[in-house]
Structure formats: C-alpha cells, structure tokens
N, C-alpha and C. Protein backbone atom coordinates (compact mmCIF):
# COMPACT_ATOMS: atom_id res chain seq x y z
N UNK A 1 -15.03 -23.64 21.20
CA UNK A 1 -15.52 -23.92 19.87
C UNK A 1 -16.50 -22.82 19.48
N UNK A 2 -16.29 -22.30 18.29
CA UNK A 2 -17.17 -21.24 17.79
C UNK A 2 -18.50 -21.81 17.33
N UNK A 3 -19.54 -21.13 17.65
CA UNK A 3 -20.86 -21.54 17.17
C UNK A 3 -21.05 -21.05 15.74
N UNK A 4 -21.99 -21.66 15.06
CA UNK A 4 -22.30 -21.24 13.70
C UNK A 4 -22.74 -19.78 13.68
N UNK A 5 -23.54 -19.37 14.67
CA UNK A 5 -24.03 -17.99 14.72
C UNK A 5 -22.90 -17.00 14.89
N UNK A 6 -21.91 -17.32 15.72
CA UNK A 6 -20.81 -16.37 15.93
C UNK A 6 -19.96 -16.23 14.67
N UNK A 7 -19.82 -17.29 13.93
CA UNK A 7 -19.07 -17.22 12.67
C UNK A 7 -19.88 -16.47 11.62
N UNK A 8 -21.17 -16.76 11.54
CA UNK A 8 -22.03 -16.13 10.54
C UNK A 8 -22.17 -14.63 10.76
N UNK A 9 -22.14 -14.20 12.02
CA UNK A 9 -22.33 -12.79 12.34
C UNK A 9 -21.02 -12.01 12.46
N UNK A 10 -19.90 -12.68 12.30
CA UNK A 10 -18.60 -12.02 12.43
C UNK A 10 -18.39 -11.04 11.28
N UNK A 11 -17.60 -10.00 11.55
CA UNK A 11 -17.26 -9.03 10.50
C UNK A 11 -16.42 -9.71 9.43
N UNK A 12 -16.58 -9.32 8.19
CA UNK A 12 -15.79 -9.95 7.13
C UNK A 12 -14.31 -9.63 7.28
N UNK A 13 -13.47 -10.57 6.85
CA UNK A 13 -12.03 -10.39 6.95
C UNK A 13 -11.55 -9.23 6.09
N UNK A 14 -12.27 -8.90 5.04
CA UNK A 14 -11.84 -7.81 4.18
C UNK A 14 -11.82 -6.47 4.92
N UNK A 15 -12.55 -6.37 6.03
CA UNK A 15 -12.53 -5.14 6.80
C UNK A 15 -11.12 -4.81 7.27
N UNK A 16 -10.36 -5.84 7.65
CA UNK A 16 -9.00 -5.64 8.14
C UNK A 16 -8.08 -5.17 7.01
N UNK A 17 -8.43 -5.45 5.79
CA UNK A 17 -7.57 -5.13 4.66
C UNK A 17 -7.86 -3.76 4.05
N UNK A 18 -8.57 -2.88 4.75
CA UNK A 18 -8.84 -1.54 4.24
C UNK A 18 -7.51 -0.83 3.96
N UNK A 19 -7.46 -0.10 2.87
CA UNK A 19 -6.24 0.59 2.47
C UNK A 19 -6.19 1.98 3.09
N UNK A 20 -5.16 2.24 3.90
CA UNK A 20 -4.97 3.55 4.52
C UNK A 20 -4.28 4.54 3.57
N UNK A 21 -3.79 4.05 2.44
CA UNK A 21 -3.13 4.91 1.45
C UNK A 21 -4.21 5.61 0.63
N UNK A 22 -4.33 6.92 0.78
CA UNK A 22 -5.39 7.65 0.08
C UNK A 22 -4.94 8.21 -1.27
N UNK A 23 -3.65 8.19 -1.57
CA UNK A 23 -3.16 8.73 -2.84
C UNK A 23 -3.58 7.80 -3.96
N UNK A 24 -4.24 8.35 -4.98
CA UNK A 24 -4.76 7.52 -6.06
C UNK A 24 -4.04 7.74 -7.39
N UNK A 25 -3.06 8.64 -7.43
CA UNK A 25 -2.31 8.83 -8.66
C UNK A 25 -1.56 7.56 -9.02
N UNK A 26 -1.57 7.23 -10.31
CA UNK A 26 -0.91 6.00 -10.75
C UNK A 26 -0.26 6.22 -12.11
N UNK A 27 0.78 7.03 -12.13
CA UNK A 27 1.50 7.32 -13.36
C UNK A 27 1.95 6.00 -14.00
N UNK A 28 1.65 5.84 -15.27
CA UNK A 28 2.01 4.60 -15.94
C UNK A 28 1.23 3.39 -15.45
N UNK A 29 0.13 3.64 -14.73
CA UNK A 29 -0.67 2.55 -14.18
C UNK A 29 -0.09 1.93 -12.93
N UNK A 30 0.93 2.58 -12.35
CA UNK A 30 1.61 2.05 -11.17
C UNK A 30 1.06 2.76 -9.94
N UNK A 31 0.26 2.05 -9.17
CA UNK A 31 -0.37 2.62 -7.98
C UNK A 31 0.56 2.53 -6.78
N UNK A 32 0.30 3.38 -5.80
CA UNK A 32 1.05 3.31 -4.54
C UNK A 32 0.71 2.00 -3.84
N UNK A 33 1.71 1.44 -3.18
CA UNK A 33 1.52 0.19 -2.45
C UNK A 33 0.47 0.39 -1.36
N UNK A 34 -0.48 -0.52 -1.23
CA UNK A 34 -1.49 -0.38 -0.17
C UNK A 34 -0.89 -0.42 1.23
N UNK A 35 -1.52 0.30 2.13
CA UNK A 35 -1.16 0.27 3.55
C UNK A 35 -2.36 -0.35 4.27
N UNK A 36 -2.12 -1.46 4.94
CA UNK A 36 -3.20 -2.18 5.61
C UNK A 36 -2.91 -2.33 7.10
N UNK A 37 -3.92 -2.72 7.83
CA UNK A 37 -3.80 -3.00 9.26
C UNK A 37 -3.04 -4.31 9.42
N UNK A 38 -1.93 -4.28 10.12
CA UNK A 38 -1.11 -5.48 10.30
C UNK A 38 -1.71 -6.46 11.29
N UNK A 39 -2.61 -5.98 12.13
CA UNK A 39 -3.15 -6.82 13.19
C UNK A 39 -2.28 -6.82 14.43
N UNK A 40 -1.15 -6.12 14.38
CA UNK A 40 -0.23 -6.02 15.51
C UNK A 40 -0.41 -4.64 16.14
N UNK A 41 -0.91 -4.55 17.37
CA UNK A 41 -1.15 -3.23 17.96
C UNK A 41 0.12 -2.40 18.18
N UNK A 42 1.28 -3.06 18.25
CA UNK A 42 2.53 -2.32 18.43
C UNK A 42 3.07 -1.75 17.13
N UNK A 43 2.74 -2.39 16.01
CA UNK A 43 3.18 -1.95 14.68
C UNK A 43 1.99 -2.12 13.74
N UNK A 44 1.01 -1.22 13.86
CA UNK A 44 -0.28 -1.45 13.21
C UNK A 44 -0.36 -1.24 11.70
N UNK A 45 0.63 -0.63 11.10
CA UNK A 45 0.56 -0.31 9.67
C UNK A 45 1.50 -1.21 8.89
N UNK A 46 0.99 -1.82 7.82
CA UNK A 46 1.78 -2.76 7.04
C UNK A 46 1.81 -2.36 5.57
N UNK A 47 3.02 -2.36 5.00
CA UNK A 47 3.24 -2.13 3.58
C UNK A 47 4.01 -3.34 3.07
N UNK A 48 3.36 -4.13 2.25
CA UNK A 48 3.91 -5.44 1.84
C UNK A 48 4.26 -6.21 3.10
N UNK A 49 5.51 -6.64 3.27
CA UNK A 49 5.87 -7.46 4.44
C UNK A 49 6.38 -6.63 5.61
N UNK A 50 6.51 -5.32 5.43
CA UNK A 50 7.07 -4.46 6.48
C UNK A 50 5.97 -3.83 7.32
N UNK A 51 6.21 -3.71 8.63
CA UNK A 51 5.25 -3.08 9.53
C UNK A 51 5.86 -1.83 10.15
N UNK A 52 4.98 -0.89 10.54
CA UNK A 52 5.41 0.42 11.03
C UNK A 52 4.59 0.83 12.24
N UNK A 53 5.22 1.64 13.11
CA UNK A 53 4.54 2.10 14.31
C UNK A 53 3.64 3.30 14.04
N UNK A 54 3.89 4.03 12.94
CA UNK A 54 3.05 5.20 12.65
C UNK A 54 2.73 5.28 11.16
N UNK A 55 1.65 5.97 10.88
CA UNK A 55 1.17 6.08 9.51
C UNK A 55 2.14 6.86 8.62
N UNK A 56 2.85 7.83 9.18
CA UNK A 56 3.79 8.62 8.39
C UNK A 56 4.88 7.77 7.77
N UNK A 57 5.45 6.87 8.55
CA UNK A 57 6.50 5.99 8.05
C UNK A 57 5.94 5.03 7.00
N UNK A 58 4.74 4.54 7.22
CA UNK A 58 4.11 3.64 6.25
C UNK A 58 3.82 4.36 4.93
N UNK A 59 3.33 5.60 5.03
CA UNK A 59 3.07 6.38 3.82
C UNK A 59 4.36 6.63 3.04
N UNK A 60 5.44 6.94 3.76
CA UNK A 60 6.73 7.17 3.10
C UNK A 60 7.18 5.92 2.35
N UNK A 61 7.06 4.75 3.00
CA UNK A 61 7.47 3.50 2.34
C UNK A 61 6.60 3.22 1.12
N UNK A 62 5.31 3.42 1.25
CA UNK A 62 4.39 3.21 0.13
C UNK A 62 4.76 4.10 -1.05
N UNK A 63 5.02 5.36 -0.78
CA UNK A 63 5.40 6.31 -1.84
C UNK A 63 6.74 5.96 -2.45
N UNK A 64 7.70 5.56 -1.62
CA UNK A 64 9.01 5.16 -2.13
C UNK A 64 8.89 3.95 -3.05
N UNK A 65 8.06 2.99 -2.66
CA UNK A 65 7.89 1.80 -3.50
C UNK A 65 7.23 2.16 -4.83
N UNK A 66 6.27 3.08 -4.78
CA UNK A 66 5.63 3.51 -6.03
C UNK A 66 6.65 4.21 -6.93
N UNK A 67 7.45 5.09 -6.35
CA UNK A 67 8.46 5.79 -7.14
C UNK A 67 9.44 4.80 -7.76
N UNK A 68 9.92 3.84 -6.96
CA UNK A 68 10.89 2.87 -7.47
C UNK A 68 10.30 2.04 -8.61
N UNK A 69 9.06 1.63 -8.47
CA UNK A 69 8.42 0.85 -9.53
C UNK A 69 8.24 1.69 -10.79
N UNK A 70 7.88 2.95 -10.61
CA UNK A 70 7.72 3.87 -11.74
C UNK A 70 9.07 4.09 -12.43
N UNK A 71 10.10 4.38 -11.65
CA UNK A 71 11.43 4.62 -12.21
C UNK A 71 11.97 3.37 -12.91
N UNK A 72 11.74 2.20 -12.32
CA UNK A 72 12.17 0.96 -12.96
C UNK A 72 11.48 0.76 -14.30
N UNK A 73 10.20 1.10 -14.36
CA UNK A 73 9.47 0.98 -15.62
C UNK A 73 10.01 1.97 -16.65
N UNK A 74 10.28 3.20 -16.21
CA UNK A 74 10.84 4.21 -17.11
C UNK A 74 12.22 3.78 -17.61
N UNK A 75 13.04 3.29 -16.72
CA UNK A 75 14.39 2.85 -17.10
C UNK A 75 14.36 1.57 -17.93
N UNK A 76 13.26 0.83 -17.82
CA UNK A 76 13.12 -0.41 -18.58
C UNK A 76 12.60 -0.19 -19.99
N UNK A 77 12.42 1.07 -20.36
CA UNK A 77 12.04 1.36 -21.74
C UNK A 77 10.58 1.72 -21.95
N UNK A 78 9.82 1.95 -20.89
CA UNK A 78 8.43 2.36 -21.06
C UNK A 78 8.42 3.76 -21.68
N UNK A 79 7.95 3.89 -22.92
CA UNK A 79 8.00 5.19 -23.60
C UNK A 79 7.06 6.23 -23.01
N UNK A 80 6.11 5.80 -22.19
CA UNK A 80 5.15 6.73 -21.60
C UNK A 80 5.63 7.34 -20.29
N UNK A 81 6.79 6.91 -19.80
CA UNK A 81 7.28 7.36 -18.49
C UNK A 81 8.68 7.93 -18.59
N UNK A 82 9.01 8.79 -17.64
CA UNK A 82 10.38 9.24 -17.44
C UNK A 82 10.62 9.26 -15.94
N UNK A 83 11.86 9.09 -15.54
CA UNK A 83 12.19 9.12 -14.11
C UNK A 83 11.81 10.48 -13.53
N UNK A 84 12.00 11.55 -14.30
CA UNK A 84 11.65 12.87 -13.79
C UNK A 84 10.14 12.99 -13.57
N UNK A 85 9.33 12.40 -14.43
CA UNK A 85 7.87 12.41 -14.22
C UNK A 85 7.51 11.61 -12.97
N UNK A 86 8.21 10.51 -12.74
CA UNK A 86 7.98 9.72 -11.53
C UNK A 86 8.33 10.54 -10.29
N UNK A 87 9.42 11.30 -10.36
CA UNK A 87 9.84 12.12 -9.22
C UNK A 87 8.83 13.22 -8.93
N UNK A 88 8.23 13.80 -9.98
CA UNK A 88 7.22 14.84 -9.78
C UNK A 88 6.01 14.25 -9.06
N UNK A 89 5.61 13.05 -9.45
CA UNK A 89 4.47 12.40 -8.79
C UNK A 89 4.78 12.12 -7.33
N UNK A 90 6.04 11.77 -7.04
CA UNK A 90 6.42 11.44 -5.68
C UNK A 90 6.28 12.65 -4.80
C-alpha cells in the first residue's frame, strides 16, 4: 500500500507524456503527431496507438501522419493548402 507521502512526492504523470517530436511546423494548423514514451522498454516510442523500437521510425510515422492530414485537408477543399505545399513541409 502506498503511503500518502510517496504519492505526494511522486513525479507527475505528465512527465511521461513529453513530446519527442521537435518539429514545430504546422502548415494549415496541422501539427506533427506527438511522439511520447510508451512505457514499454522494448518499444519505447509511441505515435498514437503504434509503438516503435527507435526514434527514427517514430519520427517517420509522425511526419507521415502530418503529411496525410495536410493532404487530406488540401484535397478536402482547404483553400489555404495544396498537396504540393504539404509535400514540401514533409
């Protein structure tokens, strides 16, 4: 059983949710998907529901998701976006 002191002095849960994705460009207001610590030491990087063994794969997925969301918005009639502009950002 945890004591009140151990709970009170524990690190906040938000620490685990730090975003490893450093890219801040957000064409059309569409940001790259956050990369967080999955809590699994074998697959420590998480992008949405998917986990990865290395940061490179997680970054690629995050960027791909941002591109797809941007392209979907452009194809959906957003006059401020074009698929080619989304590709340049990617």
